[in-house]
Amino acid sequence: METNFNHVYIFGTNIKTENDKQIISTLLNSTREIEQWNLDLEDIDSVLRIESKSLNADQIIKMIAQEDFKCIELSE
């Protein structure tokens, strides 16, 4: 499967623990518009990478904020 990088969003977050990751995992896995995602807890910015053809960065940021986490889009 080929990745279209126009639909890949990269964010810095304040998601720091495995428990935090589990909370976000439940949200992201239940969102049908998200094709794939991953979170790097070992990175200083706790980088969240999301692939979605129908969601935009602002919508993703609002979703993450509903779980009381901060999320900012990182520039390319």
N, C-alpha and C. Protein backbone atom coordinates (compact mmCIF):
# COMPACT_ATOMS: atom_id res chain seq x y z
N MET A 1 0.85 -1.19 0.00
CA MET A 1 0.00 0.00 0.00
C MET A 1 0.89 1.25 0.00
N GLU A 2 0.62 2.13 -0.89
CA GLU A 2 1.41 3.35 -1.03
C GLU A 2 0.83 4.46 -0.16
N THR A 3 1.68 5.20 0.51
CA THR A 3 1.24 6.29 1.37
C THR A 3 1.21 7.59 0.58
N ASN A 4 0.06 8.29 0.65
CA ASN A 4 -0.06 9.61 0.05
C ASN A 4 0.26 10.60 1.16
N PHE A 5 1.40 11.26 1.06
CA PHE A 5 1.85 12.13 2.15
C PHE A 5 1.02 13.40 2.29
N ASN A 6 0.09 13.66 1.36
CA ASN A 6 -0.83 14.78 1.52
C ASN A 6 -1.84 14.50 2.62
N HIS A 7 -1.92 13.26 3.05
CA HIS A 7 -2.90 12.87 4.06
C HIS A 7 -2.22 12.41 5.35
N VAL A 8 -0.97 12.78 5.53
CA VAL A 8 -0.23 12.41 6.74
C VAL A 8 -0.01 13.67 7.57
N TYR A 9 -0.41 13.59 8.83
CA TYR A 9 -0.29 14.72 9.74
C TYR A 9 0.65 14.31 10.88
N ILE A 10 1.54 15.23 11.25
CA ILE A 10 2.51 14.96 12.30
C ILE A 10 2.36 16.03 13.38
N PHE A 11 2.22 15.56 14.60
CA PHE A 11 1.95 16.46 15.73
C PHE A 11 2.93 16.21 16.87
N GLY A 12 3.24 17.26 17.59
CA GLY A 12 3.90 17.15 18.88
C GLY A 12 2.80 17.14 19.93
N THR A 13 2.93 16.28 20.94
CA THR A 13 1.87 16.15 21.94
C THR A 13 2.45 16.15 23.35
N ASN A 14 1.56 16.20 24.31
CA ASN A 14 1.96 16.03 25.71
C ASN A 14 1.51 14.65 26.23
N ILE A 15 1.36 13.71 25.34
CA ILE A 15 1.03 12.33 25.69
C ILE A 15 2.35 11.68 26.11
N LYS A 16 2.48 11.32 27.37
CA LYS A 16 3.79 10.91 27.89
C LYS A 16 3.85 9.47 28.41
N THR A 17 2.75 8.92 28.88
CA THR A 17 2.79 7.61 29.53
C THR A 17 2.03 6.57 28.72
N GLU A 18 2.24 5.31 29.07
CA GLU A 18 1.49 4.23 28.43
C GLU A 18 -0.01 4.38 28.72
N ASN A 19 -0.35 4.85 29.91
CA ASN A 19 -1.76 5.08 30.24
C ASN A 19 -2.36 6.15 29.34
N ASP A 20 -1.62 7.25 29.13
CA ASP A 20 -2.06 8.30 28.21
C ASP A 20 -2.26 7.71 26.81
N LYS A 21 -1.31 6.89 26.40
CA LYS A 21 -1.37 6.30 25.07
C LYS A 21 -2.61 5.42 24.92
N GLN A 22 -2.95 4.70 25.98
CA GLN A 22 -4.13 3.83 25.94
C GLN A 22 -5.41 4.65 25.77
N ILE A 23 -5.48 5.79 26.42
CA ILE A 23 -6.64 6.68 26.29
C ILE A 23 -6.77 7.14 24.84
N ILE A 24 -5.66 7.60 24.27
CA ILE A 24 -5.66 8.08 22.88
C ILE A 24 -5.91 6.92 21.92
N SER A 25 -5.38 5.77 22.22
CA SER A 25 -5.56 4.59 21.37
C SER A 25 -7.04 4.26 21.21
N THR A 26 -7.77 4.29 22.30
CA THR A 26 -9.20 4.02 22.24
C THR A 26 -9.90 5.02 21.32
N LEU A 27 -9.56 6.28 21.44
CA LEU A 27 -10.15 7.32 20.60
C LEU A 27 -9.78 7.13 19.13
N LEU A 28 -8.50 6.98 18.85
CA LEU A 28 -8.05 6.91 17.46
C LEU A 28 -8.50 5.63 16.77
N ASN A 29 -8.49 4.52 17.49
CA ASN A 29 -8.93 3.26 16.90
C ASN A 29 -10.43 3.24 16.62
N SER A 30 -11.20 4.04 17.33
CA SER A 30 -12.64 4.07 17.10
C SER A 30 -13.07 5.12 16.08
N THR A 31 -12.11 5.90 15.58
CA THR A 31 -12.40 6.93 14.58
C THR A 31 -12.17 6.35 13.19
N ARG A 32 -13.25 6.07 12.48
CA ARG A 32 -13.16 5.39 11.18
C ARG A 32 -12.39 6.18 10.14
N GLU A 33 -12.36 7.50 10.27
CA GLU A 33 -11.66 8.34 9.29
C GLU A 33 -10.14 8.24 9.39
N ILE A 34 -9.65 7.65 10.46
CA ILE A 34 -8.20 7.49 10.65
C ILE A 34 -7.79 6.13 10.10
N GLU A 35 -6.94 6.16 9.09
CA GLU A 35 -6.49 4.93 8.46
C GLU A 35 -5.39 4.24 9.26
N GLN A 36 -4.41 5.04 9.69
CA GLN A 36 -3.31 4.52 10.50
C GLN A 36 -2.83 5.62 11.43
N TRP A 37 -2.22 5.20 12.53
CA TRP A 37 -1.62 6.18 13.43
C TRP A 37 -0.50 5.49 14.21
N ASN A 38 0.42 6.29 14.70
CA ASN A 38 1.41 5.79 15.64
C ASN A 38 1.89 6.94 16.51
N LEU A 39 2.39 6.56 17.67
CA LEU A 39 2.83 7.53 18.67
C LEU A 39 4.20 7.10 19.18
N ASP A 40 5.15 8.03 19.16
CA ASP A 40 6.50 7.74 19.63
C ASP A 40 6.70 8.36 21.02
N LEU A 41 6.49 7.56 22.05
CA LEU A 41 6.64 8.05 23.42
C LEU A 41 8.09 8.32 23.80
N GLU A 42 9.03 7.76 23.05
CA GLU A 42 10.44 7.96 23.36
C GLU A 42 10.98 9.27 22.80
N ASP A 43 10.27 9.87 21.86
CA ASP A 43 10.66 11.16 21.29
C ASP A 43 10.32 12.26 22.30
N ILE A 44 11.17 13.27 22.39
CA ILE A 44 10.94 14.36 23.35
C ILE A 44 9.61 15.08 23.10
N ASP A 45 9.17 15.10 21.83
CA ASP A 45 7.90 15.76 21.47
C ASP A 45 6.71 14.81 21.47
N SER A 46 6.92 13.56 21.87
CA SER A 46 5.85 12.54 21.83
C SER A 46 5.09 12.64 20.51
N VAL A 47 5.80 12.40 19.43
CA VAL A 47 5.28 12.62 18.08
C VAL A 47 4.15 11.65 17.75
N LEU A 48 3.03 12.23 17.32
CA LEU A 48 1.86 11.48 16.87
C LEU A 48 1.75 11.66 15.37
N ARG A 49 1.70 10.55 14.65
CA ARG A 49 1.58 10.56 13.19
C ARG A 49 0.26 9.92 12.82
N ILE A 50 -0.56 10.64 12.04
CA ILE A 50 -1.89 10.17 11.67
C ILE A 50 -2.06 10.25 10.16
N GLU A 51 -2.61 9.18 9.58
CA GLU A 51 -2.97 9.16 8.18
C GLU A 51 -4.49 9.18 8.08
N SER A 52 -5.01 10.18 7.36
CA SER A 52 -6.46 10.31 7.15
C SER A 52 -6.72 11.09 5.87
N LYS A 53 -7.61 10.56 5.06
CA LYS A 53 -7.98 11.26 3.82
C LYS A 53 -9.10 12.27 4.04
N SER A 54 -9.85 12.12 5.13
CA SER A 54 -11.02 12.98 5.31
C SER A 54 -10.90 13.97 6.46
N LEU A 55 -10.01 13.74 7.41
CA LEU A 55 -9.83 14.69 8.51
C LEU A 55 -8.71 15.66 8.19
N ASN A 56 -8.82 16.88 8.73
CA ASN A 56 -7.72 17.83 8.58
C ASN A 56 -7.04 18.00 9.95
N ALA A 57 -5.95 18.72 9.97
CA ALA A 57 -5.16 18.89 11.19
C ALA A 57 -5.99 19.50 12.32
N ASP A 58 -6.79 20.52 12.02
CA ASP A 58 -7.59 21.17 13.06
C ASP A 58 -8.58 20.20 13.70
N GLN A 59 -9.20 19.35 12.89
CA GLN A 59 -10.15 18.37 13.41
C GLN A 59 -9.45 17.38 14.33
N ILE A 60 -8.27 16.96 13.95
CA ILE A 60 -7.51 16.01 14.77
C ILE A 60 -7.10 16.66 16.08
N ILE A 61 -6.63 17.89 16.03
CA ILE A 61 -6.25 18.62 17.25
C ILE A 61 -7.43 18.73 18.21
N LYS A 62 -8.61 19.03 17.70
CA LYS A 62 -9.81 19.13 18.54
C LYS A 62 -10.16 17.78 19.16
N MET A 63 -10.02 16.71 18.40
CA MET A 63 -10.29 15.37 18.93
C MET A 63 -9.37 15.05 20.09
N ILE A 64 -8.08 15.33 19.91
CA ILE A 64 -7.11 15.05 20.97
C ILE A 64 -7.39 15.93 22.19
N ALA A 65 -7.77 17.16 21.96
CA ALA A 65 -8.07 18.10 23.06
C ALA A 65 -9.28 17.64 23.88
N GLN A 66 -10.21 16.95 23.26
CA GLN A 66 -11.38 16.43 23.99
C GLN A 66 -10.97 15.43 25.06
N GLU A 67 -9.81 14.82 24.89
CA GLU A 67 -9.28 13.89 25.90
C GLU A 67 -8.30 14.59 26.85
N ASP A 68 -8.29 15.92 26.82
CA ASP A 68 -7.45 16.74 27.70
C ASP A 68 -5.96 16.62 27.43
N PHE A 69 -5.61 16.39 26.16
CA PHE A 69 -4.20 16.39 25.75
C PHE A 69 -3.96 17.54 24.79
N LYS A 70 -2.74 18.03 24.79
CA LYS A 70 -2.36 19.10 23.85
C LYS A 70 -1.69 18.47 22.64
N CYS A 71 -1.90 19.12 21.50
CA CYS A 71 -1.43 18.57 20.24
C CYS A 71 -1.20 19.75 19.29
N ILE A 72 0.02 19.88 18.77
CA ILE A 72 0.29 20.94 17.80
C ILE A 72 0.91 20.32 16.55
N GLU A 73 0.50 20.84 15.41
CA GLU A 73 1.03 20.31 14.16
C GLU A 73 2.48 20.76 14.00
N LEU A 74 3.32 19.81 13.65
CA LEU A 74 4.73 20.10 13.40
C LEU A 74 4.90 20.39 11.91
N SER A 75 5.72 21.38 11.59
CA SER A 75 5.94 21.72 10.18
C SER A 75 6.81 20.65 9.53
N GLU A 76 6.74 20.59 8.23
CA GLU A 76 7.48 19.57 7.48
C GLU A 76 8.96 19.81 7.51
